[in-house]
Amino acid sequence: VTATDADEGLYGHVKYSLKKVSDMASDIFRLNYETGEVTLLRSLDFEEGESYELEVQAHDAGGLFDTTKVT
């Protein structure tokens, strides 16, 4: 996930967080709070679930944010 902020300095630095994630998905996916990179903690198993949905929020130091769904 990538977000940009046109501000300079501290207010232009974007950090990421998980807003909504199921218990099962939290055992499978990891979000890098600095880069927005989503990685697997273990292999996916189609029998456990066909798809997963995460809500990732990007926010700056000025209190602005936006949210997106990752499926």
N, C-alpha and C. Protein backbone atom coordinates (compact mmCIF):
# COMPACT_ATOMS: atom_id res chain seq x y z
N VAL A 1 0.86 -1.16 0.00
CA VAL A 1 0.00 0.00 0.00
C VAL A 1 0.91 1.22 0.00
N THR A 2 0.57 2.21 -0.82
CA THR A 2 1.37 3.43 -0.88
C THR A 2 0.48 4.66 -0.78
N ALA A 3 0.89 5.58 0.06
CA ALA A 3 0.22 6.88 0.17
C ALA A 3 1.29 7.95 0.16
N THR A 4 0.96 9.11 -0.38
CA THR A 4 1.91 10.22 -0.41
C THR A 4 1.28 11.46 0.22
N ASP A 5 2.13 12.33 0.71
CA ASP A 5 1.71 13.58 1.30
C ASP A 5 2.64 14.67 0.77
N ALA A 6 2.09 15.71 0.20
CA ALA A 6 2.90 16.76 -0.42
C ALA A 6 3.58 17.67 0.60
N ASP A 7 3.21 17.58 1.88
CA ASP A 7 3.85 18.41 2.90
C ASP A 7 5.32 18.04 3.05
N GLU A 8 6.10 18.98 3.56
CA GLU A 8 7.52 18.73 3.79
C GLU A 8 7.75 18.43 5.27
N GLY A 9 8.87 17.78 5.55
CA GLY A 9 9.26 17.51 6.93
C GLY A 9 8.36 16.50 7.60
N LEU A 10 8.18 16.70 8.90
CA LEU A 10 7.42 15.77 9.72
C LEU A 10 6.00 15.57 9.23
N TYR A 11 5.36 16.62 8.77
CA TYR A 11 3.96 16.52 8.32
C TYR A 11 3.81 15.76 7.01
N GLY A 12 4.90 15.55 6.29
CA GLY A 12 4.86 14.81 5.03
C GLY A 12 5.15 13.33 5.20
N HIS A 13 5.53 12.91 6.41
CA HIS A 13 5.86 11.51 6.66
C HIS A 13 4.59 10.71 6.90
N VAL A 14 4.36 9.68 6.09
CA VAL A 14 3.16 8.86 6.18
C VAL A 14 3.47 7.56 6.90
N LYS A 15 2.62 7.19 7.85
CA LYS A 15 2.71 5.90 8.53
C LYS A 15 1.42 5.14 8.28
N TYR A 16 1.48 3.83 8.44
CA TYR A 16 0.36 2.96 8.11
C TYR A 16 -0.07 2.16 9.34
N SER A 17 -1.35 1.83 9.39
CA SER A 17 -1.86 0.98 10.47
C SER A 17 -3.01 0.16 9.93
N LEU A 18 -3.30 -0.92 10.62
CA LEU A 18 -4.44 -1.75 10.27
C LEU A 18 -5.64 -1.23 11.05
N LYS A 19 -6.67 -0.86 10.32
CA LYS A 19 -7.88 -0.35 10.96
C LYS A 19 -8.83 -1.49 11.29
N LYS A 20 -8.97 -2.41 10.36
CA LYS A 20 -9.90 -3.53 10.56
C LYS A 20 -9.26 -4.76 9.94
N VAL A 21 -9.16 -5.81 10.74
CA VAL A 21 -8.59 -7.06 10.26
C VAL A 21 -9.19 -8.20 11.09
N SER A 22 -9.54 -9.29 10.43
CA SER A 22 -10.11 -10.43 11.16
C SER A 22 -9.01 -11.12 11.95
N ASP A 23 -9.41 -11.90 12.94
CA ASP A 23 -8.43 -12.64 13.75
C ASP A 23 -7.62 -13.58 12.87
N MET A 24 -8.27 -14.24 11.92
CA MET A 24 -7.57 -15.17 11.03
C MET A 24 -6.54 -14.42 10.18
N ALA A 25 -6.94 -13.29 9.62
CA ALA A 25 -6.03 -12.52 8.77
C ALA A 25 -4.86 -11.96 9.56
N SER A 26 -5.05 -11.62 10.81
CA SER A 26 -3.96 -11.08 11.61
C SER A 26 -2.89 -12.13 11.89
N ASP A 27 -3.25 -13.41 11.80
CA ASP A 27 -2.29 -14.50 11.94
C ASP A 27 -1.56 -14.79 10.64
N ILE A 28 -2.02 -14.24 9.53
CA ILE A 28 -1.47 -14.54 8.21
C ILE A 28 -0.69 -13.37 7.62
N PHE A 29 -1.16 -12.15 7.84
CA PHE A 29 -0.57 -10.97 7.19
C PHE A 29 0.12 -10.07 8.20
N ARG A 30 1.17 -9.40 7.73
CA ARG A 30 1.89 -8.42 8.54
C ARG A 30 1.97 -7.13 7.74
N LEU A 31 1.73 -5.99 8.39
CA LEU A 31 1.84 -4.69 7.77
C LEU A 31 3.06 -3.97 8.33
N ASN A 32 3.94 -3.50 7.45
CA ASN A 32 5.06 -2.68 7.86
C ASN A 32 4.52 -1.26 8.05
N TYR A 33 4.56 -0.77 9.28
CA TYR A 33 3.94 0.51 9.61
C TYR A 33 4.67 1.71 9.00
N GLU A 34 5.93 1.52 8.59
CA GLU A 34 6.70 2.60 7.97
C GLU A 34 6.55 2.64 6.45
N THR A 35 6.50 1.45 5.81
CA THR A 35 6.49 1.39 4.34
C THR A 35 5.14 1.07 3.72
N GLY A 36 4.22 0.48 4.49
CA GLY A 36 2.93 0.07 3.95
C GLY A 36 2.97 -1.29 3.28
N GLU A 37 4.11 -1.97 3.35
CA GLU A 37 4.25 -3.28 2.71
C GLU A 37 3.47 -4.34 3.50
N VAL A 38 2.67 -5.12 2.79
CA VAL A 38 1.92 -6.23 3.39
C VAL A 38 2.64 -7.51 2.99
N THR A 39 3.00 -8.32 3.98
CA THR A 39 3.70 -9.58 3.73
C THR A 39 2.96 -10.73 4.41
N LEU A 40 3.28 -11.93 3.97
CA LEU A 40 2.69 -13.14 4.55
C LEU A 40 3.55 -13.64 5.71
N LEU A 41 2.89 -14.04 6.79
CA LEU A 41 3.57 -14.66 7.91
C LEU A 41 3.66 -16.17 7.72
N ARG A 42 2.77 -16.69 6.90
CA ARG A 42 2.77 -18.12 6.56
C ARG A 42 2.07 -18.29 5.22
N SER A 43 2.12 -19.49 4.68
CA SER A 43 1.50 -19.77 3.38
C SER A 43 -0.02 -19.67 3.47
N LEU A 44 -0.63 -19.26 2.38
CA LEU A 44 -2.09 -19.22 2.31
C LEU A 44 -2.64 -20.61 2.07
N ASP A 45 -3.78 -20.90 2.67
CA ASP A 45 -4.44 -22.19 2.52
C ASP A 45 -5.87 -21.92 2.03
N PHE A 46 -6.15 -22.30 0.79
CA PHE A 46 -7.46 -22.04 0.20
C PHE A 46 -8.59 -22.69 1.00
N GLU A 47 -8.30 -23.77 1.70
CA GLU A 47 -9.33 -24.43 2.49
C GLU A 47 -9.70 -23.61 3.73
N GLU A 48 -8.81 -22.76 4.21
CA GLU A 48 -9.11 -21.90 5.36
C GLU A 48 -9.94 -20.69 4.97
N GLY A 49 -9.71 -20.20 3.77
CA GLY A 49 -10.45 -19.03 3.32
C GLY A 49 -10.16 -18.73 1.87
N GLU A 50 -11.20 -18.36 1.12
CA GLU A 50 -11.05 -18.03 -0.30
C GLU A 50 -10.37 -16.68 -0.49
N SER A 51 -10.68 -15.75 0.41
CA SER A 51 -10.10 -14.42 0.30
C SER A 51 -10.04 -13.79 1.69
N TYR A 52 -9.25 -12.74 1.79
CA TYR A 52 -9.08 -12.03 3.05
C TYR A 52 -9.21 -10.54 2.77
N GLU A 53 -9.70 -9.79 3.73
CA GLU A 53 -9.85 -8.36 3.56
C GLU A 53 -9.21 -7.63 4.75
N LEU A 54 -8.36 -6.68 4.42
CA LEU A 54 -7.72 -5.84 5.43
C LEU A 54 -8.10 -4.40 5.16
N GLU A 55 -8.27 -3.60 6.18
CA GLU A 55 -8.45 -2.16 6.01
C GLU A 55 -7.18 -1.50 6.52
N VAL A 56 -6.47 -0.83 5.61
CA VAL A 56 -5.22 -0.17 5.95
C VAL A 56 -5.46 1.33 5.97
N GLN A 57 -4.95 1.98 7.01
CA GLN A 57 -5.10 3.42 7.14
C GLN A 57 -3.72 4.07 7.05
N ALA A 58 -3.62 5.09 6.21
CA ALA A 58 -2.39 5.88 6.08
C ALA A 58 -2.65 7.22 6.77
N HIS A 59 -1.71 7.65 7.62
CA HIS A 59 -1.90 8.91 8.32
C HIS A 59 -0.59 9.68 8.43
N ASP A 60 -0.71 11.00 8.47
CA ASP A 60 0.47 11.85 8.61
C ASP A 60 0.51 12.43 10.02
N ALA A 61 1.57 13.15 10.32
CA ALA A 61 1.74 13.72 11.67
C ALA A 61 0.76 14.86 11.93
N GLY A 62 0.13 15.38 10.89
CA GLY A 62 -0.83 16.45 11.07
C GLY A 62 -2.24 15.98 11.39
N GLY A 63 -2.43 14.67 11.51
CA GLY A 63 -3.73 14.14 11.87
C GLY A 63 -4.63 13.79 10.70
N LEU A 64 -4.14 13.98 9.48
CA LEU A 64 -4.93 13.61 8.30
C LEU A 64 -4.73 12.13 8.01
N PHE A 65 -5.77 11.49 7.46
CA PHE A 65 -5.66 10.06 7.15
C PHE A 65 -6.60 9.70 6.02
N ASP A 66 -6.35 8.52 5.45
CA ASP A 66 -7.26 7.93 4.47
C ASP A 66 -7.19 6.42 4.66
N THR A 67 -8.23 5.74 4.26
CA THR A 67 -8.33 4.30 4.46
C THR A 67 -8.62 3.61 3.14
N THR A 68 -8.04 2.42 2.96
CA THR A 68 -8.32 1.62 1.78
C THR A 68 -8.50 0.16 2.17
N LYS A 69 -9.20 -0.57 1.33
CA LYS A 69 -9.37 -2.02 1.56
C LYS A 69 -8.39 -2.76 0.68
N VAL A 70 -7.78 -3.78 1.25
CA VAL A 70 -6.88 -4.66 0.52
C VAL A 70 -7.53 -6.04 0.58
N THR A 71 -7.84 -6.60 -0.59
CA THR A 71 -8.47 -7.92 -0.65
C THR A 71 -7.53 -8.90 -1.30
